[in-house]
Amino acid sequence: MDKPETMMIDDVKYVRADAVKQEPTKDGLTLCIVRTYSAGVFLAWVDYEKCDFFNCKLVDCVRLWKWAGAFTLSELAVNGTSEPKNCRFAEVVVPEQRINRVIEMIPVTEKANETFSNAKRG
């Protein structure tokens, strides 16, 4: 018998800890949406240990030129896009890139990452 992922107690929904999907990881890096002061917004793998808000190395970074189907970057990182065909993401051009003046790094959930595969590229 399959285990239920959620249950209701007194009108409160509880989720099993092992049912919660975490952020995707790759070689110890975390997939994030990175917003910078003047270089724009990126989807990239980030090593928090080696990244501060002045200098950051992004791995397999993609510039997000246009997004739709999410009101904020935070919503985009958590829920993804409900309108991937109306998004415009660049292709990965270089395997790693250094950027300066990072404003925020928002970890991306697996759920959100799955919606990005249908966004327009290039």
N, C-alpha and C. Protein backbone atom coordinates (compact mmCIF):
# COMPACT_ATOMS: atom_id res chain seq x y z
N MET A 1 0.84 -1.18 0.00
CA MET A 1 0.00 0.00 0.00
C MET A 1 0.88 1.24 0.00
N ASP A 2 0.54 2.24 -0.83
CA ASP A 2 1.29 3.49 -0.88
C ASP A 2 1.02 4.31 0.38
N LYS A 3 2.07 5.00 0.83
CA LYS A 3 1.92 5.88 1.99
C LYS A 3 1.33 7.20 1.53
N PRO A 4 0.40 7.77 2.27
CA PRO A 4 -0.12 9.09 1.89
C PRO A 4 0.95 10.16 2.10
N GLU A 5 0.97 11.15 1.19
CA GLU A 5 1.95 12.23 1.32
C GLU A 5 1.46 13.33 2.23
N THR A 6 0.13 13.47 2.38
CA THR A 6 -0.43 14.51 3.23
C THR A 6 -1.53 13.93 4.10
N MET A 7 -1.87 14.68 5.17
CA MET A 7 -3.02 14.32 6.00
C MET A 7 -3.56 15.59 6.65
N MET A 8 -4.84 15.58 6.97
CA MET A 8 -5.51 16.72 7.59
C MET A 8 -5.82 16.40 9.04
N ILE A 9 -5.47 17.34 9.91
CA ILE A 9 -5.82 17.24 11.32
C ILE A 9 -6.36 18.61 11.73
N ASP A 10 -7.57 18.65 12.21
CA ASP A 10 -8.20 19.92 12.62
C ASP A 10 -8.07 20.99 11.55
N ASP A 11 -8.38 20.62 10.32
CA ASP A 11 -8.35 21.54 9.17
C ASP A 11 -6.96 22.09 8.86
N VAL A 12 -5.93 21.41 9.30
CA VAL A 12 -4.55 21.80 8.97
C VAL A 12 -3.95 20.66 8.15
N LYS A 13 -3.37 21.01 7.00
CA LYS A 13 -2.77 20.00 6.12
C LYS A 13 -1.30 19.80 6.51
N TYR A 14 -0.92 18.55 6.75
CA TYR A 14 0.46 18.20 7.10
C TYR A 14 1.06 17.37 5.97
N VAL A 15 2.36 17.58 5.70
CA VAL A 15 3.06 16.88 4.64
C VAL A 15 4.18 16.06 5.27
N ARG A 16 4.27 14.79 4.84
CA ARG A 16 5.37 13.94 5.31
C ARG A 16 6.70 14.57 4.94
N ALA A 17 7.68 14.53 5.82
CA ALA A 17 8.99 15.13 5.58
C ALA A 17 9.67 14.53 4.36
N ASP A 18 9.54 13.22 4.14
CA ASP A 18 10.21 12.60 3.00
C ASP A 18 9.45 12.83 1.70
N ALA A 19 8.28 13.48 1.76
CA ALA A 19 7.51 13.79 0.55
C ALA A 19 7.84 15.18 0.01
N VAL A 20 8.56 15.98 0.79
CA VAL A 20 8.90 17.34 0.37
C VAL A 20 10.09 17.28 -0.58
N LYS A 21 9.92 17.84 -1.78
CA LYS A 21 11.02 17.85 -2.74
C LYS A 21 11.90 19.06 -2.47
N GLN A 22 13.17 18.81 -2.38
CA GLN A 22 14.13 19.87 -2.10
C GLN A 22 14.60 20.51 -3.40
N GLU A 23 15.47 21.51 -3.26
CA GLU A 23 16.05 22.15 -4.42
C GLU A 23 16.94 21.15 -5.14
N PRO A 24 17.00 21.24 -6.45
CA PRO A 24 17.92 20.37 -7.19
C PRO A 24 19.37 20.72 -6.83
N THR A 25 20.22 19.72 -6.77
CA THR A 25 21.64 19.95 -6.52
C THR A 25 22.46 19.26 -7.60
N LYS A 26 23.66 19.80 -7.81
CA LYS A 26 24.57 19.26 -8.81
C LYS A 26 25.98 19.47 -8.29
N ASP A 27 26.67 18.42 -7.95
CA ASP A 27 28.04 18.50 -7.45
C ASP A 27 28.15 19.47 -6.27
N GLY A 28 27.18 19.45 -5.36
CA GLY A 28 27.21 20.32 -4.19
C GLY A 28 26.73 21.74 -4.45
N LEU A 29 26.31 22.03 -5.68
CA LEU A 29 25.81 23.36 -6.02
C LEU A 29 24.28 23.36 -5.93
N THR A 30 23.70 24.52 -5.72
CA THR A 30 22.26 24.67 -5.63
C THR A 30 21.77 25.49 -6.80
N LEU A 31 20.70 25.05 -7.44
CA LEU A 31 20.11 25.80 -8.54
C LEU A 31 19.38 27.00 -7.97
N CYS A 32 19.70 28.20 -8.47
CA CYS A 32 19.13 29.44 -7.94
C CYS A 32 18.74 30.39 -9.06
N ILE A 33 17.81 31.26 -8.75
CA ILE A 33 17.59 32.45 -9.56
C ILE A 33 18.41 33.53 -8.89
N VAL A 34 19.31 34.14 -9.66
CA VAL A 34 20.24 35.13 -9.13
C VAL A 34 19.92 36.48 -9.76
N ARG A 35 19.61 37.47 -8.92
CA ARG A 35 19.33 38.82 -9.40
C ARG A 35 20.52 39.70 -9.06
N THR A 36 20.99 40.43 -10.06
CA THR A 36 22.16 41.29 -9.86
C THR A 36 21.77 42.76 -9.95
N TYR A 37 22.70 43.61 -9.56
CA TYR A 37 22.44 45.05 -9.58
C TYR A 37 22.26 45.57 -10.99
N SER A 38 23.15 45.17 -11.92
CA SER A 38 23.06 45.73 -13.27
C SER A 38 23.24 44.71 -14.39
N ALA A 39 23.50 43.44 -14.07
CA ALA A 39 23.71 42.44 -15.12
C ALA A 39 22.45 41.65 -15.45
N GLY A 40 21.39 41.86 -14.70
CA GLY A 40 20.15 41.16 -14.99
C GLY A 40 19.87 40.02 -14.04
N VAL A 41 19.08 39.05 -14.54
CA VAL A 41 18.64 37.91 -13.74
C VAL A 41 19.10 36.63 -14.42
N PHE A 42 19.60 35.69 -13.62
CA PHE A 42 20.14 34.44 -14.14
C PHE A 42 19.51 33.25 -13.44
N LEU A 43 19.45 32.13 -14.14
CA LEU A 43 19.17 30.82 -13.56
C LEU A 43 20.50 30.09 -13.62
N ALA A 44 21.04 29.70 -12.46
CA ALA A 44 22.39 29.13 -12.45
C ALA A 44 22.61 28.25 -11.22
N TRP A 45 23.64 27.42 -11.32
CA TRP A 45 24.09 26.61 -10.19
C TRP A 45 25.06 27.46 -9.40
N VAL A 46 24.87 27.51 -8.06
CA VAL A 46 25.65 28.39 -7.19
C VAL A 46 26.22 27.59 -6.02
N ASP A 47 27.46 27.89 -5.66
CA ASP A 47 28.07 27.34 -4.45
C ASP A 47 28.02 28.43 -3.39
N TYR A 48 27.10 28.29 -2.44
CA TYR A 48 26.94 29.31 -1.40
C TYR A 48 28.22 29.55 -0.62
N GLU A 49 29.01 28.50 -0.42
CA GLU A 49 30.25 28.63 0.36
C GLU A 49 31.24 29.58 -0.30
N LYS A 50 31.22 29.65 -1.63
CA LYS A 50 32.20 30.45 -2.36
C LYS A 50 31.57 31.69 -2.99
N CYS A 51 30.40 32.07 -2.52
CA CYS A 51 29.69 33.18 -3.14
C CYS A 51 29.31 34.19 -2.06
N ASP A 52 29.62 35.44 -2.31
CA ASP A 52 29.13 36.49 -1.44
C ASP A 52 28.35 37.48 -2.31
N PHE A 53 27.89 38.54 -1.73
CA PHE A 53 27.05 39.45 -2.51
C PHE A 53 27.86 40.47 -3.31
N PHE A 54 29.18 40.30 -3.33
CA PHE A 54 30.02 41.17 -4.16
C PHE A 54 30.58 40.43 -5.36
N ASN A 55 30.84 39.15 -5.20
CA ASN A 55 31.42 38.36 -6.27
C ASN A 55 30.85 36.95 -6.20
N CYS A 56 30.39 36.43 -7.32
CA CYS A 56 29.77 35.11 -7.32
C CYS A 56 30.11 34.38 -8.61
N LYS A 57 30.40 33.09 -8.49
CA LYS A 57 30.63 32.24 -9.66
C LYS A 57 29.34 31.50 -9.96
N LEU A 58 28.86 31.63 -11.20
CA LEU A 58 27.67 30.93 -11.66
C LEU A 58 28.09 29.83 -12.62
N VAL A 59 27.53 28.65 -12.46
CA VAL A 59 27.85 27.51 -13.31
C VAL A 59 26.63 27.21 -14.18
N ASP A 60 26.88 26.99 -15.48
CA ASP A 60 25.82 26.71 -16.45
C ASP A 60 24.69 27.74 -16.34
N CYS A 61 25.07 29.01 -16.33
CA CYS A 61 24.08 30.06 -16.11
C CYS A 61 23.33 30.41 -17.39
N VAL A 62 22.08 30.75 -17.20
CA VAL A 62 21.16 31.13 -18.27
C VAL A 62 20.57 32.48 -17.89
N ARG A 63 20.68 33.45 -18.78
CA ARG A 63 20.08 34.76 -18.51
C ARG A 63 18.57 34.67 -18.77
N LEU A 64 17.78 35.17 -17.82
CA LEU A 64 16.34 35.19 -17.96
C LEU A 64 15.95 36.55 -18.54
N TRP A 65 15.62 36.57 -19.82
CA TRP A 65 15.30 37.83 -20.49
C TRP A 65 13.86 38.25 -20.21
N LYS A 66 12.97 37.27 -20.15
CA LYS A 66 11.56 37.57 -19.96
C LYS A 66 10.92 36.38 -19.27
N TRP A 67 10.07 36.65 -18.30
CA TRP A 67 9.33 35.56 -17.67
C TRP A 67 7.87 35.97 -17.54
N ALA A 68 7.02 34.98 -17.55
CA ALA A 68 5.57 35.18 -17.41
C ALA A 68 5.03 34.01 -16.60
N GLY A 69 3.82 34.13 -16.13
CA GLY A 69 3.21 33.04 -15.39
C GLY A 69 3.67 32.94 -13.96
N ALA A 70 4.33 33.99 -13.47
CA ALA A 70 4.74 34.11 -12.07
C ALA A 70 4.87 35.60 -11.80
N PHE A 71 4.34 36.05 -10.69
CA PHE A 71 4.32 37.48 -10.41
C PHE A 71 5.70 38.02 -10.00
N THR A 72 6.42 37.27 -9.16
CA THR A 72 7.73 37.70 -8.67
C THR A 72 8.78 36.64 -8.97
N LEU A 73 10.05 37.01 -8.82
CA LEU A 73 11.12 36.03 -8.98
C LEU A 73 11.03 34.96 -7.91
N SER A 74 10.60 35.32 -6.72
CA SER A 74 10.43 34.33 -5.64
C SER A 74 9.38 33.30 -6.03
N GLU A 75 8.27 33.76 -6.58
CA GLU A 75 7.22 32.84 -7.03
C GLU A 75 7.74 31.97 -8.18
N LEU A 76 8.50 32.57 -9.07
CA LEU A 76 9.09 31.82 -10.19
C LEU A 76 10.00 30.72 -9.66
N ALA A 77 10.79 31.01 -8.63
CA ALA A 77 11.72 30.02 -8.06
C ALA A 77 11.02 28.89 -7.33
N VAL A 78 9.87 29.19 -6.72
CA VAL A 78 9.16 28.18 -5.93
C VAL A 78 8.18 27.38 -6.78
N ASN A 79 7.35 28.08 -7.57
CA ASN A 79 6.28 27.40 -8.33
C ASN A 79 6.58 27.23 -9.81
N GLY A 80 7.57 27.95 -10.31
CA GLY A 80 7.86 27.89 -11.72
C GLY A 80 6.92 28.80 -12.49
N THR A 81 6.84 28.58 -13.78
CA THR A 81 5.99 29.38 -14.64
C THR A 81 4.78 28.58 -15.12
N SER A 82 3.65 29.23 -15.15
CA SER A 82 2.45 28.59 -15.71
C SER A 82 2.32 28.92 -17.20
N GLU A 83 3.25 29.78 -17.70
CA GLU A 83 3.23 30.18 -19.10
C GLU A 83 4.62 30.06 -19.73
N PRO A 84 5.17 28.85 -19.82
CA PRO A 84 6.54 28.71 -20.32
C PRO A 84 6.73 29.22 -21.75
N LYS A 85 5.70 29.15 -22.57
CA LYS A 85 5.83 29.61 -23.96
C LYS A 85 5.95 31.13 -24.04
N ASN A 86 5.59 31.84 -22.98
CA ASN A 86 5.72 33.29 -22.94
C ASN A 86 6.98 33.75 -22.23
N CYS A 87 7.84 32.81 -21.87
CA CYS A 87 9.12 33.14 -21.25
C CYS A 87 10.21 33.15 -22.30
N ARG A 88 11.29 33.83 -22.01
CA ARG A 88 12.43 33.86 -22.93
C ARG A 88 13.70 33.71 -22.11
N PHE A 89 14.34 32.54 -22.19
CA PHE A 89 15.58 32.25 -21.47
C PHE A 89 16.68 32.07 -22.49
N ALA A 90 17.86 32.62 -22.23
CA ALA A 90 19.00 32.45 -23.12
C ALA A 90 19.54 31.03 -23.01
N GLU A 91 20.38 30.66 -23.95
CA GLU A 91 21.08 29.37 -23.89
C GLU A 91 22.30 29.51 -22.99
N VAL A 92 22.80 28.39 -22.48
CA VAL A 92 24.06 28.40 -21.75
C VAL A 92 25.16 28.67 -22.77
N VAL A 93 25.92 29.73 -22.55
CA VAL A 93 26.96 30.11 -23.51
C VAL A 93 28.34 29.65 -23.04
N VAL A 94 28.62 29.86 -21.77
CA VAL A 94 29.90 29.44 -21.18
C VAL A 94 29.60 28.57 -19.97
N PRO A 95 30.49 27.63 -19.64
CA PRO A 95 30.20 26.74 -18.52
C PRO A 95 30.19 27.44 -17.16
N GLU A 96 30.97 28.52 -17.02
CA GLU A 96 30.90 29.28 -15.77
C GLU A 96 31.17 30.75 -16.04
N GLN A 97 30.60 31.57 -15.17
CA GLN A 97 30.71 33.01 -15.33
C GLN A 97 30.77 33.64 -13.95
N ARG A 98 31.58 34.67 -13.80
CA ARG A 98 31.64 35.41 -12.55
C ARG A 98 30.85 36.70 -12.71
N ILE A 99 30.06 37.01 -11.70
CA ILE A 99 29.31 38.25 -11.72
C ILE A 99 29.55 39.01 -10.43
N ASN A 100 29.30 40.29 -10.46
CA ASN A 100 29.48 41.15 -9.29
C ASN A 100 28.15 41.75 -8.89
N ARG A 101 28.09 42.20 -7.66
CA ARG A 101 26.94 42.93 -7.12
C ARG A 101 25.64 42.13 -7.18
N VAL A 102 25.66 40.97 -6.54
CA VAL A 102 24.47 40.13 -6.44
C VAL A 102 23.51 40.75 -5.42
N ILE A 103 22.26 40.86 -5.79
CA ILE A 103 21.24 41.40 -4.89
C ILE A 103 20.56 40.28 -4.12
N GLU A 104 20.21 39.20 -4.83
CA GLU A 104 19.59 38.07 -4.15
C GLU A 104 19.83 36.77 -4.90
N MET A 105 19.84 35.67 -4.14
CA MET A 105 19.94 34.31 -4.68
C MET A 105 18.77 33.53 -4.11
N ILE A 106 17.87 33.07 -4.97
CA ILE A 106 16.67 32.38 -4.53
C ILE A 106 16.76 30.92 -4.98
N PRO A 107 16.84 29.97 -4.04
CA PRO A 107 16.88 28.56 -4.45
C PRO A 107 15.64 28.16 -5.24
N VAL A 108 15.85 27.36 -6.27
CA VAL A 108 14.78 26.90 -7.16
C VAL A 108 14.35 25.50 -6.74
N THR A 109 13.05 25.27 -6.67
CA THR A 109 12.54 23.94 -6.33
C THR A 109 12.53 23.05 -7.58
N GLU A 110 12.45 21.75 -7.36
CA GLU A 110 12.35 20.81 -8.49
C GLU A 110 11.10 21.10 -9.31
N LYS A 111 10.01 21.40 -8.61
CA LYS A 111 8.74 21.71 -9.29
C LYS A 111 8.93 22.87 -10.26
N ALA A 112 9.57 23.94 -9.80
CA ALA A 112 9.80 25.10 -10.65
C ALA A 112 10.73 24.75 -11.81
N ASN A 113 11.80 24.04 -11.52
CA ASN A 113 12.78 23.70 -12.54
C ASN A 113 12.16 22.90 -13.69
N GLU A 114 11.21 22.03 -13.36
CA GLU A 114 10.55 21.25 -14.40
C GLU A 114 9.79 22.12 -15.38
N THR A 115 9.25 23.26 -14.93
CA THR A 115 8.49 24.13 -15.83
C THR A 115 9.40 24.91 -16.76
N PHE A 116 10.67 25.08 -16.39
CA PHE A 116 11.60 25.89 -17.19
C PHE A 116 12.01 25.19 -18.49
N SER A 117 11.89 23.88 -18.54
CA SER A 117 12.34 23.15 -19.73
C SER A 117 11.51 23.49 -20.98
N ASN A 118 10.32 24.02 -20.79
CA ASN A 118 9.46 24.38 -21.92
C ASN A 118 9.54 25.84 -22.31
N ALA A 119 10.42 26.61 -21.66
CA ALA A 119 10.55 28.03 -21.99
C ALA A 119 11.32 28.18 -23.32
N LYS A 120 11.02 29.26 -24.04
CA LYS A 120 11.74 29.54 -25.28
C LYS A 120 13.21 29.78 -24.95
N ARG A 121 14.09 29.24 -25.77
CA ARG A 121 15.54 29.41 -25.58
C ARG A 121 16.12 30.21 -26.72
N GLY A 122 17.09 31.03 -26.38
CA GLY A 122 17.81 31.79 -27.38
C GLY A 122 17.10 33.01 -27.88
